[in-house]
Each structure stands twice: as structure tokens, then as C-alpha cells.
Amino acid sequence: MAKLPTPEEMGVAFLEEVSYFKHRPDESVNSKGIYMRLIKRGFRGEDIQSGADYLVEQGHLEGDNLILTASGFEAMP
């Protein structure tokens, strides 16, 4: 049975893509590139946004420019 991805699952997928772009702490993530890669993986815009929001709530990203924090860097796969 199909199920929708949770914000936590999307946060993990988002961090996988942050890792692909080799971002470091205090860098603004390549949100357009990450978005495009996640779309190609079959996710929808609202799913991706829920993952980004989750990561901001967890303190892994901050600000409107989605700056990677030290804790976000450590959480990357």
C-alpha cells in the first residue's frame, strides 16, 4: 500500500542531497539543485518543503537561505 513520505523521511532525503553537493557548515545549500534531484527521485514540491521545514525545526538548517548548521552537517549520511 502506498504511503506519503513523512517530514522526517523527507528531511533525511534532503540531507542526502546536501551531502551529494558536499556542503559544509555555515554554507547556504544549493536548494534549486537539491529540489531538482528530489523531483527526479519522485518527490513532490510539498514533500520537499515539509522536509526542509523539518530540518529547520531540528536546527539542521537555518534562515530563509537554508544555511547548513554544524548539527546538520553531522546528521548528513
N, C-alpha and C. Protein backbone atom coordinates (compact mmCIF):
# COMPACT_ATOMS: atom_id res chain seq x y z
N MET A 1 0.84 -1.17 0.00
CA MET A 1 0.00 0.00 0.00
C MET A 1 0.88 1.24 0.00
N ALA A 2 0.56 2.18 -0.82
CA ALA A 2 1.34 3.41 -0.93
C ALA A 2 1.15 4.28 0.30
N LYS A 3 2.18 5.02 0.64
CA LYS A 3 2.08 5.97 1.76
C LYS A 3 2.85 7.22 1.41
N LEU A 4 2.43 8.31 1.99
CA LEU A 4 3.11 9.58 1.77
C LEU A 4 4.36 9.65 2.64
N PRO A 5 5.42 10.30 2.16
CA PRO A 5 6.63 10.43 2.99
C PRO A 5 6.38 11.38 4.15
N THR A 6 6.93 11.03 5.30
CA THR A 6 6.81 11.89 6.47
C THR A 6 7.82 13.04 6.35
N PRO A 7 7.61 14.12 7.10
CA PRO A 7 8.60 15.20 7.10
C PRO A 7 9.99 14.70 7.51
N GLU A 8 10.06 13.77 8.45
CA GLU A 8 11.35 13.22 8.87
C GLU A 8 12.02 12.47 7.72
N GLU A 9 11.26 11.64 7.00
CA GLU A 9 11.81 10.91 5.85
C GLU A 9 12.29 11.88 4.78
N MET A 10 11.55 12.96 4.58
CA MET A 10 11.96 13.96 3.59
C MET A 10 13.19 14.72 4.06
N GLY A 11 13.28 14.93 5.37
CA GLY A 11 14.48 15.58 5.90
C GLY A 11 15.72 14.74 5.63
N VAL A 12 15.61 13.44 5.80
CA VAL A 12 16.72 12.53 5.51
C VAL A 12 17.07 12.59 4.02
N ALA A 13 16.06 12.54 3.16
CA ALA A 13 16.30 12.61 1.71
C ALA A 13 16.96 13.94 1.35
N PHE A 14 16.51 15.02 1.99
CA PHE A 14 17.08 16.34 1.73
C PHE A 14 18.56 16.36 2.13
N LEU A 15 18.87 15.80 3.30
CA LEU A 15 20.27 15.77 3.75
C LEU A 15 21.13 14.87 2.87
N GLU A 16 20.56 13.83 2.29
CA GLU A 16 21.30 13.00 1.34
C GLU A 16 21.75 13.84 0.16
N GLU A 17 20.87 14.73 -0.29
CA GLU A 17 21.21 15.58 -1.43
C GLU A 17 22.18 16.70 -1.03
N VAL A 18 22.04 17.20 0.19
CA VAL A 18 23.02 18.19 0.70
C VAL A 18 24.40 17.55 0.69
N SER A 19 24.48 16.30 1.10
CA SER A 19 25.74 15.55 1.11
C SER A 19 26.29 15.40 -0.31
N TYR A 20 25.42 15.14 -1.28
CA TYR A 20 25.83 15.00 -2.68
C TYR A 20 26.56 16.25 -3.16
N PHE A 21 26.06 17.42 -2.76
CA PHE A 21 26.67 18.69 -3.17
C PHE A 21 27.86 19.08 -2.30
N LYS A 22 28.19 18.24 -1.31
CA LYS A 22 29.36 18.41 -0.45
C LYS A 22 29.38 19.77 0.28
N HIS A 23 28.20 20.17 0.77
CA HIS A 23 28.11 21.41 1.55
C HIS A 23 28.77 21.22 2.90
N ARG A 24 29.27 22.32 3.43
CA ARG A 24 29.89 22.34 4.76
C ARG A 24 29.10 23.27 5.67
N PRO A 25 29.36 23.19 6.99
CA PRO A 25 28.62 24.06 7.92
C PRO A 25 28.78 25.53 7.55
N ASP A 26 27.72 26.28 7.79
CA ASP A 26 27.65 27.73 7.55
C ASP A 26 27.60 28.09 6.07
N GLU A 27 27.35 27.13 5.21
CA GLU A 27 27.15 27.39 3.79
C GLU A 27 25.66 27.33 3.46
N SER A 28 25.24 28.18 2.53
CA SER A 28 23.88 28.12 2.01
C SER A 28 23.80 26.92 1.07
N VAL A 29 22.80 26.07 1.27
CA VAL A 29 22.71 24.87 0.45
C VAL A 29 22.18 25.22 -0.94
N ASN A 30 22.51 24.39 -1.91
CA ASN A 30 22.07 24.56 -3.30
C ASN A 30 20.62 24.07 -3.39
N SER A 31 19.70 24.91 -2.93
CA SER A 31 18.31 24.45 -2.83
C SER A 31 17.69 24.12 -4.18
N LYS A 32 18.05 24.84 -5.23
CA LYS A 32 17.49 24.53 -6.55
C LYS A 32 18.00 23.18 -7.05
N GLY A 33 19.28 22.92 -6.87
CA GLY A 33 19.84 21.63 -7.28
C GLY A 33 19.26 20.48 -6.48
N ILE A 34 19.11 20.70 -5.18
CA ILE A 34 18.54 19.67 -4.31
C ILE A 34 17.09 19.41 -4.71
N TYR A 35 16.34 20.48 -4.94
CA TYR A 35 14.94 20.36 -5.36
C TYR A 35 14.84 19.52 -6.64
N MET A 36 15.66 19.85 -7.63
CA MET A 36 15.59 19.13 -8.90
C MET A 36 15.95 17.65 -8.74
N ARG A 37 16.95 17.36 -7.93
CA ARG A 37 17.34 15.97 -7.71
C ARG A 37 16.23 15.20 -6.98
N LEU A 38 15.57 15.84 -6.03
CA LEU A 38 14.48 15.17 -5.31
C LEU A 38 13.26 14.98 -6.21
N ILE A 39 12.98 15.93 -7.07
CA ILE A 39 11.88 15.77 -8.03
C ILE A 39 12.16 14.56 -8.93
N LYS A 40 13.41 14.42 -9.37
CA LYS A 40 13.76 13.28 -10.21
C LYS A 40 13.63 11.95 -9.46
N ARG A 41 13.72 12.01 -8.14
CA ARG A 41 13.54 10.80 -7.32
C ARG A 41 12.06 10.50 -7.08
N GLY A 42 11.18 11.36 -7.60
CA GLY A 42 9.75 11.09 -7.50
C GLY A 42 9.01 11.85 -6.41
N PHE A 43 9.70 12.74 -5.71
CA PHE A 43 9.03 13.51 -4.66
C PHE A 43 8.36 14.74 -5.25
N ARG A 44 7.37 15.26 -4.56
CA ARG A 44 6.66 16.45 -4.99
C ARG A 44 7.12 17.65 -4.18
N GLY A 45 6.84 18.83 -4.70
CA GLY A 45 7.28 20.07 -4.06
C GLY A 45 6.86 20.19 -2.61
N GLU A 46 5.62 19.82 -2.31
CA GLU A 46 5.14 19.94 -0.93
C GLU A 46 5.86 18.95 0.00
N ASP A 47 6.26 17.80 -0.54
CA ASP A 47 7.03 16.84 0.26
C ASP A 47 8.40 17.42 0.59
N ILE A 48 9.04 18.00 -0.41
CA ILE A 48 10.37 18.58 -0.24
C ILE A 48 10.32 19.72 0.76
N GLN A 49 9.29 20.57 0.65
CA GLN A 49 9.15 21.69 1.58
C GLN A 49 8.96 21.19 3.01
N SER A 50 8.19 20.10 3.18
CA SER A 50 7.99 19.58 4.53
C SER A 50 9.32 19.08 5.12
N GLY A 51 10.17 18.51 4.27
CA GLY A 51 11.49 18.06 4.73
C GLY A 51 12.38 19.23 5.12
N ALA A 52 12.38 20.28 4.31
CA ALA A 52 13.19 21.46 4.63
C ALA A 52 12.68 22.11 5.92
N ASP A 53 11.36 22.22 6.07
CA ASP A 53 10.79 22.77 7.31
C ASP A 53 11.18 21.94 8.52
N TYR A 54 11.13 20.62 8.37
CA TYR A 54 11.52 19.72 9.45
C TYR A 54 12.98 19.97 9.85
N LEU A 55 13.86 20.12 8.86
CA LEU A 55 15.28 20.34 9.16
C LEU A 55 15.51 21.68 9.84
N VAL A 56 14.74 22.69 9.49
CA VAL A 56 14.84 23.98 10.18
C VAL A 56 14.38 23.82 11.63
N GLU A 57 13.26 23.12 11.84
CA GLU A 57 12.76 22.89 13.21
C GLU A 57 13.77 22.13 14.05
N GLN A 58 14.51 21.20 13.44
CA GLN A 58 15.50 20.39 14.15
C GLN A 58 16.82 21.14 14.36
N GLY A 59 16.97 22.30 13.74
CA GLY A 59 18.20 23.08 13.87
C GLY A 59 19.30 22.65 12.91
N HIS A 60 18.96 21.84 11.89
CA HIS A 60 19.96 21.39 10.92
C HIS A 60 20.15 22.39 9.79
N LEU A 61 19.14 23.20 9.53
CA LEU A 61 19.21 24.30 8.57
C LEU A 61 18.66 25.52 9.27
N GLU A 62 19.12 26.72 8.83
CA GLU A 62 18.56 27.92 9.44
C GLU A 62 18.40 29.02 8.40
N GLY A 63 17.43 29.88 8.65
CA GLY A 63 17.20 31.04 7.81
C GLY A 63 16.50 30.72 6.50
N ASP A 64 16.09 31.80 5.83
CA ASP A 64 15.42 31.65 4.54
C ASP A 64 16.35 31.13 3.45
N ASN A 65 17.66 31.35 3.62
CA ASN A 65 18.64 30.87 2.63
C ASN A 65 19.08 29.44 2.89
N LEU A 66 18.50 28.80 3.90
CA LEU A 66 18.82 27.42 4.26
C LEU A 66 20.32 27.21 4.44
N ILE A 67 20.83 27.80 5.49
CA ILE A 67 22.24 27.66 5.87
C ILE A 67 22.41 26.35 6.63
N LEU A 68 23.36 25.54 6.21
CA LEU A 68 23.64 24.26 6.89
C LEU A 68 24.34 24.54 8.21
N THR A 69 23.79 24.01 9.30
CA THR A 69 24.40 24.18 10.61
C THR A 69 25.38 23.03 10.89
N ALA A 70 26.13 23.18 11.97
CA ALA A 70 27.06 22.12 12.36
C ALA A 70 26.30 20.82 12.66
N SER A 71 25.15 20.94 13.32
CA SER A 71 24.37 19.72 13.62
C SER A 71 23.82 19.10 12.35
N GLY A 72 23.47 19.92 11.37
CA GLY A 72 23.02 19.39 10.08
C GLY A 72 24.13 18.68 9.35
N PHE A 73 25.33 19.22 9.44
CA PHE A 73 26.49 18.58 8.83
C PHE A 73 26.74 17.22 9.44
N GLU A 74 26.65 17.16 10.77
CA GLU A 74 26.87 15.89 11.48
C GLU A 74 25.77 14.87 11.18
N ALA A 75 24.57 15.35 10.87
CA ALA A 75 23.45 14.44 10.60
C ALA A 75 23.44 13.91 9.17
N MET A 76 24.27 14.47 8.29
CA MET A 76 24.28 14.01 6.90
C MET A 76 24.77 12.56 6.81
N PRO A 77 24.15 11.79 5.92
CA PRO A 77 24.59 10.39 5.76
C PRO A 77 25.95 10.31 5.08
